[in-house]
Amino acid sequence: MTKETQGLTHTQKLIWQECNRVRSLLIAKNREYGDSALKPINVFSSLDAIKQLEVRVDDKLKRILNTRKLDSVKIHEDTEQDLIGYLILLRVARKVAKNE
């Protein structure tokens, strides 16, 4: 048990763990790919970062709808985690755009 999770309920600890997993994933991908989500190179697309992230969110939602009938927990978990990540990046992109 960490200092941060001391006194939390079981559900609150699970929330803490999930948020930490997403944060770790986003930071690892940012280290690997740089700021490509917020600073796209626009080789094939001229969309800005916000529009590109909105497209990625739409794609993940469509994948969830299309894979629902497959009943694959692994596909759903990966896609849900990607969706959460893209939604966080979208919020970050909007904050960055607002401060430019």
PDB file of N, CA and C in Angstrom:
ATOM      1  N   MET A   1       0.849  -1.179   0.000  1.00  0.00           N
ATOM      2  CA  MET A   1       0.000   0.000   0.000  1.00  0.00           C
ATOM      3  C   MET A   1       0.896   1.243   0.000  1.00  0.00           C
ATOM      4  N   THR A   2       0.568   2.197  -0.848  1.00  0.00           N
ATOM      5  CA  THR A   2       1.353   3.428  -0.909  1.00  0.00           C
ATOM      6  C   THR A   2       0.699   4.503  -0.050  1.00  0.00           C
ATOM      7  N   LYS A   3       1.464   5.538   0.196  1.00  0.00           N
ATOM      8  CA  LYS A   3       0.956   6.660   0.986  1.00  0.00           C
ATOM      9  C   LYS A   3      -0.286   7.273   0.328  1.00  0.00           C
ATOM     10  N   GLU A   4      -0.242   7.365  -1.013  1.00  0.00           N
ATOM     11  CA  GLU A   4      -1.351   7.978  -1.763  1.00  0.00           C
ATOM     12  C   GLU A   4      -2.642   7.169  -1.677  1.00  0.00           C
ATOM     13  N   THR A   5      -2.520   5.863  -1.543  1.00  0.00           N
ATOM     14  CA  THR A   5      -3.715   5.016  -1.541  1.00  0.00           C
ATOM     15  C   THR A   5      -4.179   4.634  -0.138  1.00  0.00           C
ATOM     16  N   GLN A   6      -3.431   5.053   0.859  1.00  0.00           N
ATOM     17  CA  GLN A   6      -3.819   4.760   2.239  1.00  0.00           C
ATOM     18  C   GLN A   6      -5.185   5.381   2.536  1.00  0.00           C
ATOM     19  N   GLY A   7      -6.064   4.600   3.107  1.00  0.00           N
ATOM     20  CA  GLY A   7      -7.378   5.090   3.483  1.00  0.00           C
ATOM     21  C   GLY A   7      -8.405   5.052   2.358  1.00  0.00           C
ATOM     22  N   LEU A   8      -7.989   4.614   1.160  1.00  0.00           N
ATOM     23  CA  LEU A   8      -8.939   4.521   0.055  1.00  0.00           C
ATOM     24  C   LEU A   8      -9.717   3.212   0.128  1.00  0.00           C
ATOM     25  N   THR A   9     -10.931   3.242  -0.373  1.00  0.00           N
ATOM     26  CA  THR A   9     -11.719   2.017  -0.461  1.00  0.00           C
ATOM     27  C   THR A   9     -11.142   1.138  -1.568  1.00  0.00           C
ATOM     28  N   HIS A  10     -11.605  -0.082  -1.646  1.00  0.00           N
ATOM     29  CA  HIS A  10     -11.140  -1.008  -2.691  1.00  0.00           C
ATOM     30  C   HIS A  10     -11.417  -0.421  -4.077  1.00  0.00           C
ATOM     31  N   THR A  11     -12.605   0.102  -4.270  1.00  0.00           N
ATOM     32  CA  THR A  11     -12.955   0.704  -5.564  1.00  0.00           C
ATOM     33  C   THR A  11     -12.055   1.883  -5.873  1.00  0.00           C
ATOM     34  N   GLN A  12     -11.797   2.715  -4.892  1.00  0.00           N
ATOM     35  CA  GLN A  12     -10.936   3.878  -5.098  1.00  0.00           C
ATOM     36  C   GLN A  12      -9.511   3.454  -5.451  1.00  0.00           C
ATOM     37  N   LYS A  13      -9.040   2.363  -4.864  1.00  0.00           N
ATOM     38  CA  LYS A  13      -7.712   1.846  -5.203  1.00  0.00           C
ATOM     39  C   LYS A  13      -7.678   1.345  -6.647  1.00  0.00           C
ATOM     40  N   LEU A  14      -8.750   0.699  -7.079  1.00  0.00           N
ATOM     41  CA  LEU A  14      -8.826   0.239  -8.470  1.00  0.00           C
ATOM     42  C   LEU A  14      -8.827   1.423  -9.435  1.00  0.00           C
ATOM     43  N   ILE A  15      -9.544   2.481  -9.078  1.00  0.00           N
ATOM     44  CA  ILE A  15      -9.548   3.703  -9.891  1.00  0.00           C
ATOM     45  C   ILE A  15      -8.129   4.254  -9.977  1.00  0.00           C
ATOM     46  N   TRP A  16      -7.446   4.313  -8.851  1.00  0.00           N
ATOM     47  CA  TRP A  16      -6.066   4.804  -8.782  1.00  0.00           C
ATOM     48  C   TRP A  16      -5.161   3.987  -9.718  1.00  0.00           C
ATOM     49  N   GLN A  17      -5.300   2.659  -9.656  1.00  0.00           N
ATOM     50  CA  GLN A  17      -4.476   1.773 -10.474  1.00  0.00           C
ATOM     51  C   GLN A  17      -4.735   1.993 -11.970  1.00  0.00           C
ATOM     52  N   GLU A  18      -5.999   2.071 -12.340  1.00  0.00           N
ATOM     53  CA  GLU A  18      -6.333   2.266 -13.760  1.00  0.00           C
ATOM     54  C   GLU A  18      -5.795   3.592 -14.278  1.00  0.00           C
ATOM     55  N   CYS A  19      -5.945   4.644 -13.493  1.00  0.00           N
ATOM     56  CA  CYS A  19      -5.431   5.960 -13.898  1.00  0.00           C
ATOM     57  C   CYS A  19      -3.918   5.925 -14.044  1.00  0.00           C
ATOM     58  N   ASN A  20      -3.240   5.238 -13.135  1.00  0.00           N
ATOM     59  CA  ASN A  20      -1.781   5.108 -13.219  1.00  0.00           C
ATOM     60  C   ASN A  20      -1.356   4.348 -14.462  1.00  0.00           C
ATOM     61  N   ARG A  21      -2.108   3.291 -14.821  1.00  0.00           N
ATOM     62  CA  ARG A  21      -1.787   2.523 -16.029  1.00  0.00           C
ATOM     63  C   ARG A  21      -1.898   3.396 -17.273  1.00  0.00           C
ATOM     64  N   VAL A  22      -2.971   4.161 -17.359  1.00  0.00           N
ATOM     65  CA  VAL A  22      -3.169   5.032 -18.523  1.00  0.00           C
ATOM     66  C   VAL A  22      -2.076   6.101 -18.566  1.00  0.00           C
ATOM     67  N   ARG A  23      -1.774   6.696 -17.429  1.00  0.00           N
ATOM     68  CA  ARG A  23      -0.724   7.719 -17.378  1.00  0.00           C
ATOM     69  C   ARG A  23       0.608   7.132 -17.830  1.00  0.00           C
ATOM     70  N   SER A  24       0.950   5.963 -17.331  1.00  0.00           N
ATOM     71  CA  SER A  24       2.214   5.322 -17.712  1.00  0.00           C
ATOM     72  C   SER A  24       2.259   5.029 -19.204  1.00  0.00           C
ATOM     73  N   LEU A  25       1.151   4.544 -19.758  1.00  0.00           N
ATOM     74  CA  LEU A  25       1.072   4.250 -21.185  1.00  0.00           C
ATOM     75  C   LEU A  25       1.267   5.518 -22.019  1.00  0.00           C
ATOM     76  N   LEU A  26       0.571   6.592 -21.645  1.00  0.00           N
ATOM     77  CA  LEU A  26       0.664   7.841 -22.404  1.00  0.00           C
ATOM     78  C   LEU A  26       2.071   8.428 -22.351  1.00  0.00           C
ATOM     79  N   ILE A  27       2.689   8.389 -21.208  1.00  0.00           N
ATOM     80  CA  ILE A  27       4.047   8.920 -21.082  1.00  0.00           C
ATOM     81  C   ILE A  27       5.037   8.054 -21.868  1.00  0.00           C
ATOM     82  N   ALA A  28       4.880   6.738 -21.802  1.00  0.00           N
ATOM     83  CA  ALA A  28       5.764   5.840 -22.554  1.00  0.00           C
ATOM     84  C   ALA A  28       5.622   6.076 -24.057  1.00  0.00           C
ATOM     85  N   LYS A  29       4.390   6.210 -24.524  1.00  0.00           N
ATOM     86  CA  LYS A  29       4.176   6.452 -25.954  1.00  0.00           C
ATOM     87  C   LYS A  29       4.697   7.825 -26.359  1.00  0.00           C
ATOM     88  N   ASN A  30       4.546   8.809 -25.493  1.00  0.00           N
ATOM     89  CA  ASN A  30       5.062  10.142 -25.796  1.00  0.00           C
ATOM     90  C   ASN A  30       6.583  10.119 -25.886  1.00  0.00           C
ATOM     91  N   ARG A  31       7.222   9.354 -25.021  1.00  0.00           N
ATOM     92  CA  ARG A  31       8.687   9.218 -25.089  1.00  0.00           C
ATOM     93  C   ARG A  31       9.109   8.526 -26.371  1.00  0.00           C
ATOM     94  N   GLU A  32       8.337   7.512 -26.760  1.00  0.00           N
ATOM     95  CA  GLU A  32       8.678   6.732 -27.951  1.00  0.00           C
ATOM     96  C   GLU A  32       8.411   7.506 -29.243  1.00  0.00           C
ATOM     97  N   TYR A  33       7.259   8.197 -29.308  1.00  0.00           N
ATOM     98  CA  TYR A  33       6.844   8.864 -30.543  1.00  0.00           C
ATOM     99  C   TYR A  33       7.016  10.379 -30.508  1.00  0.00           C
ATOM    100  N   GLY A  34       7.449  10.919 -29.386  1.00  0.00           N
ATOM    101  CA  GLY A  34       7.524  12.377 -29.264  1.00  0.00           C
ATOM    102  C   GLY A  34       6.121  12.948 -29.145  1.00  0.00           C
ATOM    103  N   ASP A  35       5.981  14.186 -29.494  1.00  0.00           N
ATOM    104  CA  ASP A  35       4.670  14.842 -29.405  1.00  0.00           C
ATOM    105  C   ASP A  35       3.852  14.697 -30.685  1.00  0.00           C
ATOM    106  N   SER A  36       3.923  13.525 -31.303  1.00  0.00           N
ATOM    107  CA  SER A  36       3.256  13.331 -32.594  1.00  0.00           C
ATOM    108  C   SER A  36       1.742  13.524 -32.518  1.00  0.00           C
ATOM    109  N   ALA A  37       1.149  13.243 -31.380  1.00  0.00           N
ATOM    110  CA  ALA A  37      -0.302  13.437 -31.257  1.00  0.00           C
ATOM    111  C   ALA A  37      -0.658  14.923 -31.206  1.00  0.00           C
ATOM    112  N   LEU A  38       0.209  15.731 -30.609  1.00  0.00           N
ATOM    113  CA  LEU A  38      -0.064  17.166 -30.485  1.00  0.00           C
ATOM    114  C   LEU A  38       0.610  17.990 -31.579  1.00  0.00           C
ATOM    115  N   LYS A  39       1.604  17.398 -32.228  1.00  0.00           N
ATOM    116  CA  LYS A  39       2.317  18.094 -33.309  1.00  0.00           C
ATOM    117  C   LYS A  39       2.431  17.166 -34.512  1.00  0.00           C
ATOM    118  N   PRO A  40       1.299  16.912 -35.188  1.00  0.00           N
ATOM    119  CA  PRO A  40       1.335  15.992 -36.329  1.00  0.00           C
ATOM    120  C   PRO A  40       2.192  16.545 -37.466  1.00  0.00           C
ATOM    121  N   ILE A  41       2.822  15.646 -38.225  1.00  0.00           N
ATOM    122  CA  ILE A  41       3.690  16.086 -39.314  1.00  0.00           C
ATOM    123  C   ILE A  41       2.901  16.401 -40.583  1.00  0.00           C
ATOM    124  N   ASN A  42       1.656  15.996 -40.636  1.00  0.00           N
ATOM    125  CA  ASN A  42       0.744  16.340 -41.734  1.00  0.00           C
ATOM    126  C   ASN A  42       1.269  15.954 -43.118  1.00  0.00           C
ATOM    127  N   VAL A  43       1.782  14.752 -43.253  1.00  0.00           N
ATOM    128  CA  VAL A  43       2.216  14.269 -44.560  1.00  0.00           C
ATOM    129  C   VAL A  43       1.002  13.965 -45.438  1.00  0.00           C
ATOM    130  N   PHE A  44       0.037  13.232 -44.911  1.00  0.00           N
ATOM    131  CA  PHE A  44      -1.146  12.859 -45.674  1.00  0.00           C
ATOM    132  C   PHE A  44      -2.378  13.658 -45.296  1.00  0.00           C
ATOM    133  N   SER A  45      -2.393  14.198 -44.125  1.00  0.00           N
ATOM    134  CA  SER A  45      -3.561  14.922 -43.634  1.00  0.00           C
ATOM    135  C   SER A  45      -3.156  16.340 -43.255  1.00  0.00           C
ATOM    136  N   SER A  46      -4.044  17.269 -43.511  1.00  0.00           N
ATOM    137  CA  SER A  46      -3.772  18.658 -43.122  1.00  0.00           C
ATOM    138  C   SER A  46      -4.557  19.043 -41.866  1.00  0.00           C
ATOM    139  N   LEU A  47      -5.192  18.052 -41.242  1.00  0.00           N
ATOM    140  CA  LEU A  47      -5.957  18.326 -40.032  1.00  0.00           C
ATOM    141  C   LEU A  47      -5.038  18.717 -38.893  1.00  0.00           C
ATOM    142  N   ASP A  48      -5.530  19.616 -38.037  1.00  0.00           N
ATOM    143  CA  ASP A  48      -4.739  19.978 -36.858  1.00  0.00           C
ATOM    144  C   ASP A  48      -4.826  18.857 -35.825  1.00  0.00           C
ATOM    145  N   ALA A  49      -4.055  18.987 -34.762  1.00  0.00           N
ATOM    146  CA  ALA A  49      -3.967  17.940 -33.740  1.00  0.00           C
ATOM    147  C   ALA A  49      -5.323  17.612 -33.133  1.00  0.00           C
ATOM    148  N   ILE A  50      -6.115  18.640 -32.849  1.00  0.00           N
ATOM    149  CA  ILE A  50      -7.419  18.408 -32.221  1.00  0.00           C
ATOM    150  C   ILE A  50      -8.320  17.593 -33.139  1.00  0.00           C
ATOM    151  N   LYS A  51      -8.392  17.980 -34.406  1.00  0.00           N
ATOM    152  CA  LYS A  51      -9.244  17.253 -35.362  1.00  0.00           C
ATOM    153  C   LYS A  51      -8.749  15.816 -35.552  1.00  0.00           C
ATOM    154  N   GLN A  52      -7.423  15.643 -35.606  1.00  0.00           N
ATOM    155  CA  GLN A  52      -6.890  14.284 -35.757  1.00  0.00           C
ATOM    156  C   GLN A  52      -7.216  13.416 -34.548  1.00  0.00           C
ATOM    157  N   LEU A  53      -7.129  13.981 -33.366  1.00  0.00           N
ATOM    158  CA  LEU A  53      -7.482  13.217 -32.162  1.00  0.00           C
ATOM    159  C   LEU A  53      -8.970  12.897 -32.137  1.00  0.00           C
ATOM    160  N   GLU A  54      -9.801  13.828 -32.585  1.00  0.00           N
ATOM    161  CA  GLU A  54     -11.245  13.555 -32.663  1.00  0.00           C
ATOM    162  C   GLU A  54     -11.528  12.402 -33.620  1.00  0.00           C
ATOM    163  N   VAL A  55     -10.794  12.337 -34.718  1.00  0.00           N
ATOM    164  CA  VAL A  55     -10.949  11.225 -35.664  1.00  0.00           C
ATOM    165  C   VAL A  55     -10.544   9.910 -35.000  1.00  0.00           C
ATOM    166  N   ARG A  56      -9.450   9.927 -34.250  1.00  0.00           N
ATOM    167  CA  ARG A  56      -9.006   8.709 -33.553  1.00  0.00           C
ATOM    168  C   ARG A  56     -10.027   8.255 -32.517  1.00  0.00           C
ATOM    169  N   VAL A  57     -10.637   9.194 -31.817  1.00  0.00           N
ATOM    170  CA  VAL A  57     -11.684   8.851 -30.846  1.00  0.00           C
ATOM    171  C   VAL A  57     -12.861   8.205 -31.585  1.00  0.00           C
ATOM    172  N   ASP A  58     -13.275   8.812 -32.706  1.00  0.00           N
ATOM    173  CA  ASP A  58     -14.357   8.222 -33.501  1.00  0.00           C
ATOM    174  C   ASP A  58     -14.015   6.802 -33.950  1.00  0.00           C
ATOM    175  N   ASP A  59     -12.768   6.608 -34.402  1.00  0.00           N
ATOM    176  CA  ASP A  59     -12.334   5.275 -34.845  1.00  0.00           C
ATOM    177  C   ASP A  59     -12.418   4.250 -33.715  1.00  0.00           C
ATOM    178  N   LYS A  60     -12.002   4.643 -32.520  1.00  0.00           N
ATOM    179  CA  LYS A  60     -12.044   3.710 -31.388  1.00  0.00           C
ATOM    180  C   LYS A  60     -13.486   3.389 -30.998  1.00  0.00           C
ATOM    181  N   LEU A  61     -14.356   4.399 -31.032  1.00  0.00           N
ATOM    182  CA  LEU A  61     -15.774   4.147 -30.731  1.00  0.00           C
ATOM    183  C   LEU A  61     -16.382   3.194 -31.763  1.00  0.00           C
ATOM    184  N   LYS A  62     -16.028   3.385 -33.019  1.00  0.00           N
ATOM    185  CA  LYS A  62     -16.527   2.500 -34.074  1.00  0.00           C
ATOM    186  C   LYS A  62     -16.011   1.079 -33.858  1.00  0.00           C
ATOM    187  N   ARG A  63     -14.753   0.966 -33.476  1.00  0.00           N
ATOM    188  CA  ARG A  63     -14.191  -0.363 -33.224  1.00  0.00           C
ATOM    189  C   ARG A  63     -14.930  -1.061 -32.084  1.00  0.00           C
ATOM    190  N   ILE A  64     -15.243  -0.324 -31.033  1.00  0.00           N
ATOM    191  CA  ILE A  64     -15.995  -0.910 -29.923  1.00  0.00           C
ATOM    192  C   ILE A  64     -17.353  -1.419 -30.414  1.00  0.00           C
ATOM    193  N   LEU A  65     -18.029  -0.610 -31.211  1.00  0.00           N
ATOM    194  CA  LEU A  65     -19.326  -1.034 -31.750  1.00  0.00           C
ATOM    195  C   LEU A  65     -19.187  -2.258 -32.650  1.00  0.00           C
ATOM    196  N   ASN A  66     -18.164  -2.281 -33.495  1.00  0.00           N
ATOM    197  CA  ASN A  66     -17.989  -3.373 -34.447  1.00  0.00           C
ATOM    198  C   ASN A  66     -17.501  -4.663 -33.804  1.00  0.00           C
ATOM    199  N   THR A  67     -16.768  -4.558 -32.697  1.00  0.00           N
ATOM    200  CA  THR A  67     -16.223  -5.767 -32.066  1.00  0.00           C
ATOM    201  C   THR A  67     -17.100  -6.277 -30.931  1.00  0.00           C
ATOM    202  N   ARG A  68     -18.163  -5.573 -30.656  1.00  0.00           N
ATOM    203  CA  ARG A  68     -19.051  -5.988 -29.565  1.00  0.00           C
ATOM    204  C   ARG A  68     -19.532  -7.422 -29.764  1.00  0.00           C
ATOM    205  N   LYS A  69     -19.841  -7.772 -30.998  1.00  0.00           N
ATOM    206  CA  LYS A  69     -20.345  -9.119 -31.282  1.00  0.00           C
ATOM    207  C   LYS A  69     -19.265 -10.195 -31.192  1.00  0.00           C
ATOM    208  N   LEU A  70     -17.983  -9.797 -31.236  1.00  0.00           N
ATOM    209  CA  LEU A  70     -16.894 -10.774 -31.117  1.00  0.00           C
ATOM    210  C   LEU A  70     -16.715 -11.259 -29.691  1.00  0.00           C
ATOM    211  N   ASP A  71     -17.181 -10.467 -28.744  1.00  0.00           N
ATOM    212  CA  ASP A  71     -17.103 -10.825 -27.332  1.00  0.00           C
ATOM    213  C   ASP A  71     -15.672 -11.137 -26.901  1.00  0.00           C
ATOM    214  N   SER A  72     -14.729 -10.336 -27.386  1.00  0.00           N
ATOM    215  CA  SER A  72     -13.336 -10.526 -27.023  1.00  0.00           C
ATOM    216  C   SER A  72     -12.943  -9.501 -25.966  1.00  0.00           C
ATOM    217  N   VAL A  73     -12.680  -9.974 -24.764  1.00  0.00           N
ATOM    218  CA  VAL A  73     -12.316  -9.095 -23.659  1.00  0.00           C
ATOM    219  C   VAL A  73     -11.014  -8.364 -23.981  1.00  0.00           C
ATOM    220  N   LYS A  74     -10.040  -9.053 -24.574  1.00  0.00           N
ATOM    221  CA  LYS A  74      -8.745  -8.451 -24.896  1.00  0.00           C
ATOM    222  C   LYS A  74      -8.910  -7.282 -25.863  1.00  0.00           C
ATOM    223  N   ILE A  75      -9.677  -7.461 -26.922  1.00  0.00           N
ATOM    224  CA  ILE A  75      -9.909  -6.384 -27.891  1.00  0.00           C
ATOM    225  C   ILE A  75     -10.564  -5.200 -27.202  1.00  0.00           C
ATOM    226  N   HIS A  76     -11.565  -5.472 -26.395  1.00  0.00           N
ATOM    227  CA  HIS A  76     -12.288  -4.393 -25.716  1.00  0.00           C
ATOM    228  C   HIS A  76     -11.391  -3.654 -24.728  1.00  0.00           C
ATOM    229  N   GLU A  77     -10.607  -4.370 -23.959  1.00  0.00           N
ATOM    230  CA  GLU A  77      -9.733  -3.724 -22.976  1.00  0.00           C
ATOM    231  C   GLU A  77      -8.703  -2.837 -23.659  1.00  0.00           C
ATOM    232  N   ASP A  78      -8.076  -3.337 -24.718  1.00  0.00           N
ATOM    233  CA  ASP A  78      -7.087  -2.541 -25.445  1.00  0.00           C
ATOM    234  C   ASP A  78      -7.718  -1.312 -26.077  1.00  0.00           C
ATOM    235  N   THR A  79      -8.877  -1.503 -26.689  1.00  0.00           N
ATOM    236  CA  THR A  79      -9.557  -0.395 -27.352  1.00  0.00           C
ATOM    237  C   THR A  79     -10.046   0.627 -26.339  1.00  0.00           C
ATOM    238  N   GLU A  80     -10.568   0.169 -25.221  1.00  0.00           N
ATOM    239  CA  GLU A  80     -11.005   1.093 -24.166  1.00  0.00           C
ATOM    240  C   GLU A  80      -9.828   1.901 -23.642  1.00  0.00           C
ATOM    241  N   GLN A  81      -8.690   1.232 -23.436  1.00  0.00           N
ATOM    242  CA  GLN A  81      -7.517   1.948 -22.934  1.00  0.00           C
ATOM    243  C   GLN A  81      -7.037   2.973 -23.964  1.00  0.00           C
ATOM    244  N   ASP A  82      -7.035   2.596 -25.238  1.00  0.00           N
ATOM    245  CA  ASP A  82      -6.680   3.553 -26.293  1.00  0.00           C
ATOM    246  C   ASP A  82      -7.641   4.733 -26.298  1.00  0.00           C
ATOM    247  N   LEU A  83      -8.919   4.459 -26.172  1.00  0.00           N
ATOM    248  CA  LEU A  83      -9.929   5.518 -26.176  1.00  0.00           C
ATOM    249  C   LEU A  83      -9.714   6.480 -25.016  1.00  0.00           C
ATOM    250  N   ILE A  84      -9.476   5.948 -23.829  1.00  0.00           N
ATOM    251  CA  ILE A  84      -9.207   6.797 -22.667  1.00  0.00           C
ATOM    252  C   ILE A  84      -7.972   7.660 -22.928  1.00  0.00           C
ATOM    253  N   GLY A  85      -6.935   7.055 -23.487  1.00  0.00           N
ATOM    254  CA  GLY A  85      -5.714   7.787 -23.798  1.00  0.00           C
ATOM    255  C   GLY A  85      -5.964   8.911 -24.786  1.00  0.00           C
ATOM    256  N   TYR A  86      -6.699   8.619 -25.846  1.00  0.00           N
ATOM    257  CA  TYR A  86      -6.992   9.654 -26.848  1.00  0.00           C
ATOM    258  C   TYR A  86      -7.848  10.775 -26.268  1.00  0.00           C
ATOM    259  N   LEU A  87      -8.776  10.440 -25.395  1.00  0.00           N
ATOM    260  CA  LEU A  87      -9.595  11.488 -24.772  1.00  0.00           C
ATOM    261  C   LEU A  87      -8.739  12.393 -23.884  1.00  0.00           C
ATOM    262  N   ILE A  88      -7.791  11.809 -23.175  1.00  0.00           N
ATOM    263  CA  ILE A  88      -6.885  12.626 -22.367  1.00  0.00           C
ATOM    264  C   ILE A  88      -6.027  13.501 -23.269  1.00  0.00           C
ATOM    265  N   LEU A  89      -5.482  12.916 -24.337  1.00  0.00           N
ATOM    266  CA  LEU A  89      -4.673  13.703 -25.273  1.00  0.00           C
ATOM    267  C   LEU A  89      -5.486  14.822 -25.913  1.00  0.00           C
ATOM    268  N   LEU A  90      -6.752  14.566 -26.178  1.00  0.00           N
ATOM    269  CA  LEU A  90      -7.623  15.599 -26.743  1.00  0.00           C
ATOM    270  C   LEU A  90      -7.765  16.759 -25.769  1.00  0.00           C
ATOM    271  N   ARG A  91      -7.953  16.453 -24.508  1.00  0.00           N
ATOM    272  CA  ARG A  91      -8.044  17.517 -23.489  1.00  0.00           C
ATOM    273  C   ARG A  91      -6.733  18.300 -23.406  1.00  0.00           C
ATOM    274  N   VAL A  92      -5.615  17.595 -23.466  1.00  0.00           N
ATOM    275  CA  VAL A  92      -4.300  18.253 -23.434  1.00  0.00           C
ATOM    276  C   VAL A  92      -4.134  19.136 -24.674  1.00  0.00           C
ATOM    277  N   ALA A  93      -4.496  18.623 -25.833  1.00  0.00           N
ATOM    278  CA  ALA A  93      -4.368  19.390 -27.084  1.00  0.00           C
ATOM    279  C   ALA A  93      -5.202  20.675 -27.031  1.00  0.00           C
ATOM    280  N   ARG A  94      -6.388  20.580 -26.470  1.00  0.00           N
ATOM    281  CA  ARG A  94      -7.229  21.791 -26.345  1.00  0.00           C
ATOM    282  C   ARG A  94      -6.609  22.810 -25.405  1.00  0.00           C
ATOM    283  N   LYS A  95      -5.985  22.338 -24.316  1.00  0.00           N
ATOM    284  CA  LYS A  95      -5.314  23.263 -23.395  1.00  0.00           C
ATOM    285  C   LYS A  95      -4.110  23.904 -24.059  1.00  0.00           C
ATOM    286  N   VAL A  96      -3.350  23.119 -24.813  1.00  0.00           N
ATOM    287  CA  VAL A  96      -2.185  23.657 -25.515  1.00  0.00           C
ATOM    288  C   VAL A  96      -2.633  24.695 -26.541  1.00  0.00           C
ATOM    289  N   ALA A  97      -3.679  24.394 -27.294  1.00  0.00           N
ATOM    290  CA  ALA A  97      -4.181  25.321 -28.319  1.00  0.00           C
ATOM    291  C   ALA A  97      -4.671  26.615 -27.689  1.00  0.00           C
ATOM    292  N   LYS A  98      -5.284  26.506 -26.539  1.00  0.00           N
ATOM    293  CA  LYS A  98      -5.829  27.671 -25.848  1.00  0.00           C
ATOM    294  C   LYS A  98      -4.709  28.613 -25.382  1.00  0.00           C
ATOM    295  N   ASN A  99      -3.562  28.046 -25.034  1.00  0.00           N
ATOM    296  CA  ASN A  99      -2.437  28.834 -24.521  1.00  0.00           C
ATOM    297  C   ASN A  99      -1.484  29.330 -25.609  1.00  0.00           C
ATOM    298  N   GLU A 100      -1.745  28.961 -26.850  1.00  0.00           N
ATOM    299  CA  GLU A 100      -0.849  29.406 -27.942  1.00  0.00           C
ATOM    300  C   GLU A 100      -1.216  30.785 -28.419  1.00  0.00           C
TER     301      GLU A 100
END
